[in-house]
N, C-alpha and C. Protein backbone atom coordinates (compact mmCIF):
# COMPACT_ATOMS: atom_id res chain seq x y z
N MET A 1 -62.43 37.94 -19.09
CA MET A 1 -60.95 37.79 -19.12
C MET A 1 -60.70 36.48 -17.94
N LYS A 2 -60.39 35.56 -18.26
CA LYS A 2 -59.99 34.36 -17.20
C LYS A 2 -58.65 35.20 -16.57
N PRO A 3 -58.57 34.78 -15.14
CA PRO A 3 -57.49 35.45 -14.28
C PRO A 3 -56.26 34.62 -14.68
N LYS A 4 -55.38 35.15 -14.41
CA LYS A 4 -53.76 34.11 -14.43
C LYS A 4 -53.91 33.24 -13.43
N SER A 5 -53.20 32.25 -13.57
CA SER A 5 -53.20 31.55 -12.29
C SER A 5 -51.76 31.72 -11.62
N LYS A 6 -51.46 31.27 -10.44
CA LYS A 6 -50.21 31.84 -9.58
C LYS A 6 -49.01 31.48 -10.38
N ALA A 7 -49.16 30.13 -11.05
CA ALA A 7 -48.18 29.45 -11.64
C ALA A 7 -47.49 30.10 -12.96
N SER A 8 -48.67 30.63 -13.83
CA SER A 8 -48.01 31.25 -14.92
C SER A 8 -47.56 32.69 -14.36
N ILE A 9 -48.04 33.20 -13.61
CA ILE A 9 -47.38 34.48 -13.11
C ILE A 9 -46.08 34.42 -12.49
N ILE A 10 -45.81 33.38 -11.70
CA ILE A 10 -44.54 32.96 -11.31
C ILE A 10 -43.44 32.74 -12.41
N PHE A 11 -43.97 31.81 -13.51
CA PHE A 11 -43.14 31.64 -14.75
C PHE A 11 -42.95 32.89 -15.56
N SER A 12 -44.01 33.60 -15.82
CA SER A 12 -43.49 34.98 -16.21
C SER A 12 -42.45 35.68 -16.01
N ARG A 13 -42.42 35.64 -14.69
CA ARG A 13 -41.37 36.33 -13.84
C ARG A 13 -40.27 35.87 -13.96
N LEU A 14 -40.12 34.40 -13.67
CA LEU A 14 -38.95 33.81 -14.21
C LEU A 14 -38.26 33.70 -15.53
N ASN A 15 -39.04 33.68 -16.90
CA ASN A 15 -38.72 33.50 -18.10
C ASN A 15 -38.41 34.97 -18.41
N THR A 16 -37.63 35.49 -18.16
CA THR A 16 -36.89 36.58 -18.66
C THR A 16 -35.59 36.61 -19.78
N THR A 17 -35.02 37.46 -20.04
CA THR A 17 -34.06 37.40 -21.09
C THR A 17 -32.76 36.86 -20.63
N GLN A 18 -32.40 37.49 -19.24
CA GLN A 18 -31.19 37.45 -18.34
C GLN A 18 -31.31 35.94 -17.94
N ASN A 19 -32.43 35.78 -17.26
CA ASN A 19 -32.83 34.02 -16.63
C ASN A 19 -32.38 33.22 -17.48
N ARG A 20 -32.94 33.19 -18.98
CA ARG A 20 -32.56 32.34 -19.86
C ARG A 20 -31.23 32.14 -20.06
N ILE A 21 -30.41 33.26 -20.52
CA ILE A 21 -28.93 33.33 -20.49
C ILE A 21 -28.21 32.66 -19.49
N LEU A 22 -28.67 32.81 -18.10
CA LEU A 22 -28.12 32.10 -16.82
C LEU A 22 -28.42 30.66 -16.97
N MET A 23 -29.72 30.15 -17.48
CA MET A 23 -30.18 28.76 -17.34
C MET A 23 -29.00 28.05 -18.51
N LYS A 24 -29.20 28.96 -19.65
CA LYS A 24 -28.04 28.05 -20.64
C LYS A 24 -26.79 27.82 -20.23
N THR A 25 -26.29 28.73 -19.59
CA THR A 25 -25.00 29.02 -19.29
C THR A 25 -24.64 27.77 -18.50
N MET A 26 -25.71 27.86 -17.30
CA MET A 26 -25.45 26.37 -16.40
C MET A 26 -25.59 25.27 -16.75
N LEU A 27 -26.70 25.03 -17.98
CA LEU A 27 -26.78 23.82 -18.76
C LEU A 27 -25.51 23.36 -19.20
N LEU A 28 -24.86 24.65 -20.09
CA LEU A 28 -23.71 24.19 -20.92
C LEU A 28 -22.29 23.49 -19.65
N CYS A 29 -22.21 24.27 -18.74
CA CYS A 29 -21.34 24.15 -17.86
C CYS A 29 -21.57 22.67 -17.31
N LEU A 30 -22.84 22.47 -17.09
CA LEU A 30 -23.07 20.99 -16.43
C LEU A 30 -22.85 20.09 -17.74
N PHE A 31 -23.58 20.35 -18.70
CA PHE A 31 -23.19 19.25 -19.67
C PHE A 31 -21.50 19.07 -19.99
N LEU A 32 -20.77 20.15 -19.75
CA LEU A 32 -19.28 20.16 -20.30
C LEU A 32 -18.82 19.45 -18.86
N SER A 33 -19.09 19.08 -17.92
CA SER A 33 -18.62 18.59 -16.51
C SER A 33 -19.16 17.31 -16.75
N ILE A 34 -20.27 17.00 -17.26
CA ILE A 34 -20.52 15.55 -17.33
C ILE A 34 -19.94 14.75 -18.49
N SER A 35 -19.50 15.42 -19.45
CA SER A 35 -19.20 15.02 -20.83
C SER A 35 -17.52 14.69 -20.17
N PHE A 36 -17.04 15.45 -19.90
CA PHE A 36 -15.55 15.52 -19.18
C PHE A 36 -15.43 13.91 -18.39
N ALA A 37 -16.41 13.98 -17.46
CA ALA A 37 -16.12 13.01 -16.11
C ALA A 37 -16.73 11.85 -17.02
N VAL A 38 -17.47 11.67 -18.18
CA VAL A 38 -17.48 10.29 -18.68
C VAL A 38 -16.27 9.88 -19.75
N ILE A 39 -15.96 10.95 -20.29
CA ILE A 39 -14.71 10.40 -21.07
C ILE A 39 -13.45 10.14 -20.26
N SER A 40 -13.38 10.75 -18.95
CA SER A 40 -12.10 10.37 -18.03
C SER A 40 -12.21 9.00 -17.84
N GLU A 41 -14.15 8.61 -17.46
CA GLU A 41 -13.96 7.41 -16.70
C GLU A 41 -13.61 6.12 -17.73
N LYS A 42 -14.19 6.68 -19.10
CA LYS A 42 -14.09 5.71 -20.02
C LYS A 42 -12.37 5.34 -20.51
N THR A 43 -11.85 6.32 -20.37
CA THR A 43 -10.25 6.20 -20.80
C THR A 43 -9.46 5.80 -19.68
N GLY A 44 -10.31 6.30 -18.63
CA GLY A 44 -9.31 5.55 -17.50
C GLY A 44 -8.25 6.58 -16.99
N TRP A 45 -8.38 7.77 -17.75
CA TRP A 45 -7.32 8.90 -17.60
C TRP A 45 -7.28 9.61 -16.15
N LEU A 46 -8.80 9.61 -15.36
CA LEU A 46 -8.68 10.30 -14.26
C LEU A 46 -10.10 9.75 -13.36
N GLU A 47 -10.00 9.46 -12.54
CA GLU A 47 -11.04 8.91 -11.49
C GLU A 47 -11.72 10.18 -11.09
N ILE A 48 -13.56 10.29 -11.42
CA ILE A 48 -14.15 11.25 -11.14
C ILE A 48 -15.01 10.83 -9.76
N ASP A 49 -15.07 11.62 -8.93
CA ASP A 49 -15.94 11.36 -7.80
C ASP A 49 -17.44 12.00 -8.33
N TRP A 50 -18.46 11.40 -8.46
CA TRP A 50 -19.52 11.87 -9.21
C TRP A 50 -20.45 12.36 -8.27
N LYS A 51 -20.17 12.81 -6.98
CA LYS A 51 -20.80 13.56 -6.28
C LYS A 51 -20.40 14.82 -5.97
N ILE A 52 -19.45 15.24 -6.72
CA ILE A 52 -18.79 16.72 -6.97
C ILE A 52 -18.82 17.07 -8.32
N ILE A 53 -19.82 16.54 -9.20
CA ILE A 53 -19.70 16.84 -10.32
C ILE A 53 -20.75 18.17 -10.95
N PHE A 54 -21.53 18.50 -9.68
CA PHE A 54 -22.10 19.75 -10.10
C PHE A 54 -21.52 21.27 -9.72
N ILE A 55 -20.22 21.00 -9.30
CA ILE A 55 -19.29 21.91 -8.41
C ILE A 55 -19.51 23.14 -9.63
N PRO A 56 -18.95 22.79 -10.58
CA PRO A 56 -18.50 23.78 -11.83
C PRO A 56 -19.95 24.60 -12.06
N ALA A 57 -21.09 23.98 -12.28
CA ALA A 57 -22.16 24.52 -12.30
C ALA A 57 -22.37 25.68 -11.44
N LEU A 58 -22.36 25.17 -9.94
CA LEU A 58 -22.53 26.25 -9.09
C LEU A 58 -21.42 27.40 -9.04
N LEU A 59 -20.49 26.96 -9.45
CA LEU A 59 -19.24 28.31 -9.19
C LEU A 59 -19.81 29.15 -10.75
N VAL A 60 -20.33 28.54 -11.63
CA VAL A 60 -20.72 29.76 -12.74
C VAL A 60 -21.95 30.39 -12.11
N LEU A 61 -23.05 30.04 -11.51
CA LEU A 61 -23.80 30.81 -11.15
C LEU A 61 -23.43 31.67 -9.76
N GLN A 62 -22.56 31.01 -9.14
CA GLN A 62 -22.08 32.56 -7.95
C GLN A 62 -21.37 33.18 -8.62
N ILE A 63 -20.29 33.06 -9.81
CA ILE A 63 -19.85 33.96 -10.28
C ILE A 63 -20.83 35.13 -11.19
N ILE A 64 -21.70 34.81 -11.97
CA ILE A 64 -22.81 35.55 -12.51
C ILE A 64 -23.56 36.27 -11.61
N ILE A 65 -23.75 35.66 -10.12
CA ILE A 65 -24.52 36.34 -9.17
C ILE A 65 -23.73 37.60 -8.61
N ILE A 66 -22.84 37.20 -8.28
CA ILE A 66 -21.61 38.40 -7.63
C ILE A 66 -21.49 39.57 -9.15
N GLY A 67 -21.25 38.85 -10.10
CA GLY A 67 -21.03 39.83 -11.11
C GLY A 67 -22.41 40.93 -11.30
N THR A 68 -23.46 40.24 -11.44
CA THR A 68 -24.73 41.08 -11.24
C THR A 68 -24.71 42.06 -10.35
N ALA A 69 -24.45 41.40 -9.18
CA ALA A 69 -24.74 42.54 -7.93
C ALA A 69 -23.62 43.56 -7.79
N LEU A 70 -22.40 43.16 -8.45
CA LEU A 70 -21.48 44.52 -8.35
C LEU A 70 -21.76 45.38 -9.75
N LYS A 71 -22.24 44.70 -10.65
CA LYS A 71 -22.62 45.75 -11.43
C LYS A 71 -23.70 46.31 -11.34
N ASN A 72 -24.73 45.98 -10.49
CA ASN A 72 -26.04 46.86 -10.32
C ASN A 72 -25.30 48.08 -9.08
N ARG A 73 -24.86 47.55 -8.09
CA ARG A 73 -24.13 48.57 -7.38
C ARG A 73 -23.46 49.53 -7.69
N TYR A 74 -22.48 49.35 -8.95
CA TYR A 74 -21.60 50.64 -9.13
C TYR A 74 -22.29 51.18 -10.29
N LYS A 75 -23.49 50.88 -10.99
CA LYS A 75 -24.31 51.51 -11.82
C LYS A 75 -24.06 52.77 -11.71
N LYS A 76 -24.07 53.85 -12.79
CA LYS A 76 -24.08 54.97 -12.80
C LYS A 76 -25.60 55.48 -13.14
N HIS A 77 -26.16 56.45 -12.39
CA HIS A 77 -27.45 57.03 -12.52
C HIS A 77 -27.33 57.75 -13.36
């Protein structure tokens, strides 16, 4: 049998159900942020600083990480 490469081993560890849900959540949040910024810019309703467009996705990531850590800490054995 052919030995697995390091890249495929790392990818298999990252490609879990929980990580896929996390990535989909972050991508959805990023898509909504960019959509809101583009619509606001086109209509002139609000001026958006494009440097801070990634902050909502990072906040969602932090909330998920903290929630997972708390859930694991207080898990009943």
